[in-house]
Amino acid sequence: MKPNTALLHYAEDPSDWQGAVNPPIYRTSLFCYDSCQQMIDAGEGKITHYSYTRSGNPTTHVLEEKIALLEHADGAVAFGSGMAAISTCLLAMVRSGDHVLLTNNAYGPVHRLCNHTLARFGVTTSYYKPGDAADLDANIPEHTRVIYLESPGSMTFEITDLRAVSAVARRRGIVTIIDNSWATPLYQNPIDLGIDLVVHTGSKYLGGHSDLVFGVAAGSRELIEQVHRQACELGGIISPEDAYLAIRGLRTLPVRLAQHQRSAMQIAAWLSEQPLVTDVLYPGLESFPGHALAASQMSGYSGVFTFKLQPKSREANMAFVDALLPLFRLGCSWGGFESLVIPAFGLDGSAYRVSIGLEDVEDLQNVLAGALDAYDAHS
């Protein structure tokens, strides 16, 4: 079954739901047993039977099965947020005395989780640059338990050689975890490249409508069972209502992502030709330093990238952003239907990350052209 078809039909049998074309929302906290023997058999693993929504729910199960299929994984666990997925995976894999090797371009809250929360429990963290993937072996401490990746990174979009990292990690018995939110499982399948666990902030492209917060993790049966046990203990699971919205979002992911890619490619190429633009950090452009590696690992590109302008005053930066607001929204997320912009001040004062939405490209380009004019009018 091809991904586009699987998103519509896999793990769904309308005959189980009185012929309903969409899975029902099982809005319940617990599930009862028909007999004492059934409860015993379920407890001993002889039969499958839901018991409590924190540990499993039929609506959530449909979502998890679809994600596992897309990521070429044995199983998946859905969460109430992307950070719940990430933190649960890390906590399931490490113990006191272990070490985490973290990419320096990871999502900011992951840095804080490792440097503060995990540190309180005796887990240490050090960093590597995405470009150093081929030389990691000599710089990995003996007590390293996890290597955490994000490729492309969500602000500077560096590409990590996933095959190189996974080869080193498997030789050393280290678990690899990657945030695959930018590419989605339609455009990148890290498990096929040797990565152990894949996490997503599903609030981005998987949900796609900016009305939902959820996360998901996928991996081998052994690892995902550990993650599921940790999830049951921590309790950061997705609600059945949000699982239903996530399934709805997945149904249109292929058409949405294709449009995001077409529009972003066109706008990124146009921006790269503008005199005021000094750099466009988009893996889909051949001019991007990591393009060849990206093309060897991914089958497509999404709609989020950063561009830099010739440095100007704070007033010029503010005028540029304000001139975008007729169509672009000023906000920190990405991957929804709407176009977004946020100043990427971590790079420099004249860098901006945009999430190209589903608006007409000509309209977006016209607004960007006007914003560049407003920027140029300031010193």
Protein backbone atom coordinates (compact mmCIF):
# COMPACT_ATOMS: atom_id res chain seq x y z
CA MET A 1 0.00 0.00 0.00
CA LYS A 2 1.47 3.35 -1.09
CA PRO A 3 1.75 6.10 1.57
CA ASN A 4 -1.00 8.25 0.04
CA THR A 5 -3.40 5.31 0.14
CA ALA A 6 -2.26 4.13 3.57
CA LEU A 7 -3.01 7.52 5.10
CA LEU A 8 -6.61 7.11 3.98
CA HIS A 9 -7.27 3.46 4.69
CA TYR A 10 -4.58 1.64 6.69
CA ALA A 11 -5.60 0.37 10.17
CA GLU A 12 -9.22 1.23 9.49
CA ASP A 13 -12.10 -1.21 9.00
CA PRO A 14 -15.48 0.54 8.77
CA SER A 15 -17.23 -2.76 9.48
CA ASP A 16 -15.89 -2.47 13.04
CA TRP A 17 -17.61 0.91 13.37
CA GLN A 18 -21.09 0.28 11.96
CA GLY A 19 -19.83 1.35 8.53
CA ALA A 20 -18.57 4.77 9.64
CA VAL A 21 -16.09 6.20 7.12
CA ASN A 22 -14.10 7.80 9.97
CA PRO A 23 -13.06 6.02 13.17
CA PRO A 24 -15.24 7.01 16.12
CA ILE A 25 -13.80 8.96 19.01
CA TYR A 26 -13.70 6.58 21.96
CA ARG A 27 -14.30 9.23 24.60
CA THR A 28 -13.81 6.99 27.60
CA SER A 29 -11.35 6.67 30.45
CA LEU A 30 -11.68 2.91 30.95
CA PHE A 31 -12.75 -0.26 29.16
CA CYS A 32 -14.56 -3.07 30.98
CA TYR A 33 -14.21 -6.84 30.65
CA ASP A 34 -16.93 -9.37 29.82
CA SER A 35 -15.68 -11.87 32.38
CA CYS A 36 -13.05 -12.51 35.01
CA GLN A 37 -11.32 -14.95 32.64
CA GLN A 38 -11.13 -12.30 29.95
CA MET A 39 -9.48 -9.91 32.39
CA ILE A 40 -6.97 -12.62 33.40
CA ASP A 41 -6.20 -13.47 29.77
CA ALA A 42 -5.68 -9.81 28.94
CA GLY A 43 -3.39 -9.35 31.93
CA GLU A 44 -1.30 -12.36 30.85
CA GLY A 45 -1.07 -11.08 27.29
CA LYS A 46 -3.07 -13.95 25.79
CA ILE A 47 -5.57 -11.58 24.22
CA THR A 48 -5.60 -7.91 23.30
CA HIS A 49 -8.06 -5.83 25.27
CA TYR A 50 -8.03 -2.13 26.11
CA SER A 51 -8.17 -1.37 29.80
CA TYR A 52 -7.50 2.35 30.36
CA THR A 53 -6.99 5.19 27.87
CA ARG A 54 -3.66 6.16 29.41
CA SER A 55 -2.27 2.84 28.16
CA GLY A 56 -4.25 2.58 24.93
CA ASN A 57 -7.39 3.67 23.10
CA PRO A 58 -8.90 2.47 19.79
CA THR A 59 -8.91 5.94 18.23
CA THR A 60 -5.30 6.52 19.24
CA HIS A 61 -4.38 3.06 17.95
CA VAL A 62 -5.44 3.98 14.40
CA LEU A 63 -3.14 7.01 14.50
CA GLU A 64 -0.22 5.01 15.89
CA GLU A 65 -0.61 2.27 13.29
CA LYS A 66 -0.58 4.79 10.44
CA ILE A 67 2.56 6.51 11.76
CA ALA A 68 4.35 3.19 12.28
CA LEU A 69 3.59 2.17 8.70
CA LEU A 70 4.78 5.50 7.29
CA GLU A 71 8.01 5.42 9.32
CA HIS A 72 8.68 1.75 8.44
CA ALA A 73 8.61 1.00 12.17
CA ASP A 74 7.27 -1.91 14.20
CA GLY A 75 5.15 0.35 16.34
CA ALA A 76 4.44 3.89 17.50
CA VAL A 77 3.21 5.75 20.58
CA ALA A 78 1.23 9.00 20.38
CA PHE A 79 1.65 11.78 22.95
CA GLY A 80 0.03 15.00 24.05
CA SER A 81 2.87 17.08 22.57
CA GLY A 82 6.14 16.77 20.67
CA MET A 83 8.12 17.47 23.82
CA ALA A 84 6.21 14.71 25.62
CA ALA A 85 7.36 12.30 22.89
CA ILE A 86 10.97 13.51 23.07
CA SER A 87 11.24 13.58 26.86
CA THR A 88 9.59 10.16 27.23
CA CYS A 89 11.95 8.58 24.69
CA LEU A 90 15.00 10.05 26.41
CA LEU A 91 13.84 9.07 29.89
CA ALA A 92 13.06 5.55 28.66
CA MET A 93 16.58 5.12 27.27
CA VAL A 94 18.85 6.65 29.93
CA ARG A 95 19.62 6.15 33.59
CA SER A 96 21.85 7.85 36.13
CA GLY A 97 25.48 7.83 34.98
CA ASP A 98 24.63 7.72 31.28
CA HIS A 99 25.63 10.30 28.71
CA VAL A 100 23.63 11.90 25.87
CA LEU A 101 25.35 13.23 22.75
CA LEU A 102 23.08 15.98 21.42
CA THR A 103 23.21 17.81 18.10
CA ASN A 104 23.84 21.51 18.70
CA ASN A 105 21.06 22.50 16.28
CA ALA A 106 18.30 20.69 18.20
CA TYR A 107 15.06 22.36 19.24
CA GLY A 108 15.74 24.67 22.20
CA PRO A 109 13.55 22.88 24.79
CA VAL A 110 15.50 19.66 24.12
CA HIS A 111 18.68 21.45 25.19
CA ARG A 112 16.96 22.60 28.38
CA LEU A 113 15.58 19.14 29.06
CA CYS A 114 19.05 17.61 28.84
CA ASN A 115 20.96 20.37 30.61
CA HIS A 116 18.53 20.77 33.50
CA THR A 117 16.06 17.93 33.98
CA LEU A 118 18.27 15.01 32.95
CA ALA A 119 21.26 16.58 34.71
CA ARG A 120 19.33 16.54 37.99
CA PHE A 121 19.20 12.76 37.70
CA GLY A 122 22.89 12.28 36.92
CA VAL A 123 22.71 12.16 33.12
CA THR A 124 25.35 14.27 31.38
CA THR A 125 25.11 15.88 27.94
CA SER A 126 27.65 17.05 25.39
CA TYR A 127 27.21 18.44 21.88
CA TYR A 128 28.31 17.75 18.34
CA LYS A 129 27.95 19.71 15.11
CA PRO A 130 25.91 18.13 12.31
CA GLY A 131 28.89 18.38 9.97
CA ASP A 132 31.03 16.28 12.35
CA ALA A 133 28.89 13.16 11.95
CA ALA A 134 31.57 11.24 10.08
CA ASP A 135 34.11 11.81 12.88
CA LEU A 136 31.93 11.10 15.90
CA ASP A 137 33.49 7.79 16.90
CA ALA A 138 36.60 9.21 18.55
CA ASN A 139 34.61 11.83 20.47
CA ILE A 140 31.92 9.62 22.04
CA PRO A 141 32.42 8.92 25.76
CA GLU A 142 32.24 5.28 26.82
CA HIS A 143 29.10 5.85 28.89
CA THR A 144 27.11 7.36 26.01
CA ARG A 145 23.67 5.79 25.80
CA VAL A 146 21.86 8.07 23.30
CA ILE A 147 22.81 10.13 20.26
CA TYR A 148 20.06 12.65 19.51
CA LEU A 149 19.72 14.10 16.00
CA GLU A 150 17.60 16.66 14.21
CA SER A 151 18.01 16.76 10.43
CA PRO A 152 17.36 19.18 8.91
CA GLY A 153 17.69 21.44 11.92
CA SER A 154 14.69 23.66 12.55
CA MET A 155 16.47 27.02 12.37
CA THR A 156 19.70 26.67 10.37
CA PHE A 157 18.71 23.48 8.50
CA GLU A 158 22.08 21.74 8.57
CA ILE A 159 21.93 18.17 7.30
CA THR A 160 23.38 15.32 9.35
CA ASP A 161 24.71 12.20 7.66
CA LEU A 162 22.27 9.73 9.20
CA ARG A 163 23.98 6.65 7.77
CA ALA A 164 27.32 7.68 9.28
CA VAL A 165 25.86 8.37 12.73
CA SER A 166 23.81 5.18 12.81
CA ALA A 167 26.80 3.06 11.76
CA VAL A 168 28.90 4.39 14.64
CA ALA A 169 26.03 4.11 17.12
CA ARG A 170 25.17 0.51 16.25
CA ARG A 171 28.80 -0.53 16.50
CA ARG A 172 28.94 1.03 19.97
CA GLY A 173 25.51 -0.16 21.16
CA ILE A 174 24.14 3.39 21.37
CA VAL A 175 20.49 4.26 20.75
CA THR A 176 19.85 6.93 18.12
CA ILE A 177 16.82 9.25 18.26
CA ILE A 178 15.92 11.75 15.55
CA ASP A 179 13.39 14.55 15.30
CA ASN A 180 11.88 14.06 11.82
CA SER A 181 9.27 16.82 12.02
CA TRP A 182 10.66 18.94 9.15
CA ALA A 183 10.80 16.25 6.49
CA THR A 184 7.90 14.08 7.75
CA PRO A 185 7.84 10.35 7.00
CA LEU A 186 6.75 11.14 3.45
CA TYR A 187 10.09 12.76 2.61
CA GLN A 188 12.51 11.00 4.99
CA ASN A 189 12.55 7.57 6.63
CA PRO A 190 15.41 7.57 9.16
CA ILE A 191 14.78 3.97 10.27
CA ASP A 192 15.72 2.83 6.76
CA LEU A 193 19.03 4.66 7.27
CA GLY A 194 19.76 2.88 10.56
CA ILE A 195 18.22 5.26 13.12
CA ASP A 196 16.49 3.55 16.07
CA LEU A 197 13.72 5.91 17.20
CA VAL A 198 11.93 8.66 15.28
CA VAL A 199 10.01 11.45 17.02
CA HIS A 200 7.67 14.09 15.61
CA THR A 201 6.08 17.24 16.80
CA GLY A 202 2.82 16.31 15.13
CA SER A 203 1.46 19.81 15.71
CA LYS A 204 3.48 20.81 12.63
CA TYR A 205 2.93 19.10 9.27
CA LEU A 206 1.25 15.92 10.50
CA GLY A 207 -1.65 17.85 12.01
CA GLY A 208 -1.28 20.66 9.53
CA HIS A 209 -4.15 22.92 10.61
CA SER A 210 -2.68 24.81 13.60
CA ASP A 211 -5.48 23.55 15.84
CA LEU A 212 -3.77 20.61 17.50
CA VAL A 213 -0.84 19.83 19.79
CA PHE A 214 0.49 16.26 19.72
CA GLY A 215 3.63 14.19 19.31
CA VAL A 216 4.55 10.69 18.27
CA ALA A 217 7.47 8.27 18.52
CA ALA A 218 8.13 5.25 16.29
CA GLY A 219 10.70 2.47 16.32
CA SER A 220 11.46 -1.20 16.76
CA ARG A 221 9.19 -3.42 18.83
CA GLU A 222 11.73 -3.68 21.65
CA LEU A 223 12.38 0.05 21.94
CA ILE A 224 8.79 1.15 21.41
CA GLU A 225 7.67 -1.18 24.21
CA GLN A 226 10.11 0.60 26.52
CA VAL A 227 8.77 3.95 25.35
CA HIS A 228 5.18 2.80 25.87
CA ARG A 229 5.90 1.66 29.43
CA GLN A 230 7.53 5.01 30.18
CA ALA A 231 4.59 6.83 28.61
CA CYS A 232 2.15 4.96 30.85
CA GLU A 233 4.18 5.97 33.89
CA LEU A 234 4.56 9.63 32.91
CA GLY A 235 1.04 9.97 31.53
CA GLY A 236 1.74 12.43 28.70
CA ILE A 237 -0.58 10.65 26.28
CA ILE A 238 -2.74 12.11 23.52
CA SER A 239 -6.49 12.45 24.07
CA PRO A 240 -8.87 10.49 21.81
CA GLU A 241 -10.26 13.79 20.47
CA ASP A 242 -6.80 14.99 19.46
CA ALA A 243 -5.96 11.57 17.99
CA TYR A 244 -9.02 11.93 15.77
CA LEU A 245 -7.87 15.38 14.62
CA ALA A 246 -4.41 13.96 13.94
CA ILE A 247 -5.91 11.21 11.75
CA ARG A 248 -7.87 13.88 9.88
CA GLY A 249 -4.67 15.85 9.33
CA LEU A 250 -2.78 12.81 8.04
CA ARG A 251 -5.38 12.22 5.33
CA THR A 252 -4.36 15.42 3.52
CA LEU A 253 -0.63 15.34 4.35
CA PRO A 254 0.55 14.31 0.85
CA VAL A 255 -1.32 17.07 -0.99
CA ARG A 256 -0.50 19.69 1.62
CA LEU A 257 3.18 18.83 1.78
CA ALA A 258 3.50 18.84 -2.01
CA GLN A 259 2.05 22.35 -2.11
CA HIS A 260 4.28 23.53 0.76
CA GLN A 261 7.30 22.21 -1.15
CA ARG A 262 6.35 23.80 -4.49
CA SER A 263 5.67 27.18 -2.94
CA ALA A 264 8.76 27.16 -0.69
CA MET A 265 11.04 26.16 -3.56
CA GLN A 266 9.70 28.98 -5.71
CA ILE A 267 9.93 31.62 -2.97
CA ALA A 268 13.36 30.47 -1.75
CA ALA A 269 14.71 30.66 -5.32
CA TRP A 270 13.18 34.13 -5.77
CA LEU A 271 14.61 35.38 -2.49
CA SER A 272 18.08 34.14 -3.40
CA GLU A 273 18.01 36.52 -6.38
CA GLN A 274 17.07 39.63 -4.39
CA PRO A 275 19.91 42.14 -3.84
CA LEU A 276 19.11 42.62 -0.14
CA VAL A 277 19.18 38.86 0.58
CA THR A 278 22.62 37.53 1.48
CA ASP A 279 21.76 33.86 2.11
CA VAL A 280 18.86 31.42 1.88
CA LEU A 281 19.11 28.34 4.10
CA TYR A 282 16.83 25.89 2.32
CA PRO A 283 17.96 22.27 1.72
CA GLY A 284 15.92 22.12 -1.50
CA LEU A 285 18.16 24.67 -3.23
CA GLU A 286 21.23 23.33 -5.03
CA SER A 287 23.15 26.30 -3.61
CA PHE A 288 22.55 25.08 -0.05
CA PRO A 289 25.80 23.55 1.34
CA GLY A 290 24.11 20.33 2.45
CA HIS A 291 21.91 19.85 -0.61
CA ALA A 292 23.70 16.78 -2.01
CA LEU A 293 23.57 14.97 1.34
CA ALA A 294 19.93 16.00 1.81
CA ALA A 295 19.05 14.63 -1.62
CA SER A 296 20.70 11.31 -0.73
CA GLN A 297 18.57 10.95 2.42
CA MET A 298 15.30 12.64 1.54
CA SER A 299 12.82 12.36 -1.29
CA GLY A 300 11.47 15.89 -0.89
CA TYR A 301 11.59 19.14 1.06
CA SER A 302 9.02 20.91 3.18
CA GLY A 303 8.17 24.59 3.47
CA VAL A 304 10.28 25.99 6.32
CA PHE A 305 13.56 27.86 5.78
CA THR A 306 15.64 30.80 6.98
CA PHE A 307 17.00 33.71 4.96
CA LYS A 308 19.39 36.52 5.87
CA LEU A 309 19.29 40.15 4.82
CA GLN A 310 22.06 42.72 4.57
CA PRO A 311 22.47 43.97 8.17
CA LYS A 312 20.53 47.10 9.00
CA SER A 313 19.09 48.84 12.05
CA ARG A 314 16.59 47.47 14.55
CA GLU A 315 14.02 49.81 13.05
CA ALA A 316 14.61 48.29 9.61
CA ASN A 317 14.12 44.79 10.99
CA MET A 318 10.86 45.77 12.69
CA ALA A 319 9.60 47.51 9.55
CA PHE A 320 10.37 44.40 7.49
CA VAL A 321 8.42 42.09 9.79
CA ASP A 322 5.48 44.47 10.16
CA ALA A 323 5.23 44.81 6.37
CA LEU A 324 4.80 41.01 6.10
CA LEU A 325 1.85 40.83 8.48
CA PRO A 326 -0.96 41.29 5.94
CA LEU A 327 -0.40 37.63 4.95
CA PHE A 328 2.36 36.21 7.16
CA ARG A 329 1.54 35.65 10.81
CA LEU A 330 4.16 36.47 13.44
CA GLY A 331 4.55 33.27 15.46
CA CYS A 332 7.03 30.66 16.57
CA SER A 333 5.49 27.47 15.18
CA TRP A 334 5.37 26.16 11.60
CA GLY A 335 3.81 23.51 9.37
CA GLY A 336 0.23 24.78 9.42
CA PHE A 337 -1.93 26.08 6.58
CA GLU A 338 -0.84 29.66 7.25
CA SER A 339 2.44 31.35 6.40
CA LEU A 340 4.51 32.39 9.42
CA VAL A 341 7.59 34.48 10.07
CA ILE A 342 9.81 34.84 13.11
CA PRO A 343 13.06 36.80 13.49
CA ALA A 344 15.89 34.29 13.88
CA PHE A 345 17.89 36.49 16.21
CA GLY A 346 20.03 33.53 17.26
CA LEU A 347 21.73 33.81 13.86
CA ASP A 348 22.00 37.59 13.60
CA GLY A 349 19.75 40.61 13.74
CA SER A 350 18.70 40.36 10.08
CA ALA A 351 17.76 36.70 9.73
CA TYR A 352 14.22 35.38 9.46
CA ARG A 353 12.63 31.96 9.49
CA VAL A 354 9.51 31.54 7.40
CA SER A 355 7.01 28.74 7.16
CA ILE A 356 5.45 28.92 3.71
CA GLY A 357 1.76 28.09 3.95
CA LEU A 358 -0.91 27.23 1.41
CA GLU A 359 -1.61 30.75 0.14
CA ASP A 360 -1.06 31.64 -3.51
CA VAL A 361 2.66 32.02 -4.18
CA GLU A 362 2.18 35.27 -6.10
CA ASP A 363 0.42 36.86 -3.15
CA LEU A 364 3.17 35.80 -0.75
CA GLN A 365 5.87 36.98 -3.12
CA ASN A 366 4.20 40.37 -3.51
CA VAL A 367 4.06 40.83 0.27
CA LEU A 368 7.72 39.82 0.58
CA ALA A 369 8.67 42.29 -2.15
CA GLY A 370 6.85 45.06 -0.28
CA ALA A 371 8.59 44.10 2.96
CA LEU A 372 11.99 44.24 1.24
CA ASP A 373 11.13 47.73 0.02
CA ALA A 374 10.20 48.75 3.58
CA TYR A 375 13.50 47.29 4.81
CA ASP A 376 15.48 49.11 2.12
CA ALA A 377 13.89 52.43 3.13
CA HIS A 378 15.66 52.25 6.52
CA SER A 379 19.36 52.60 7.23
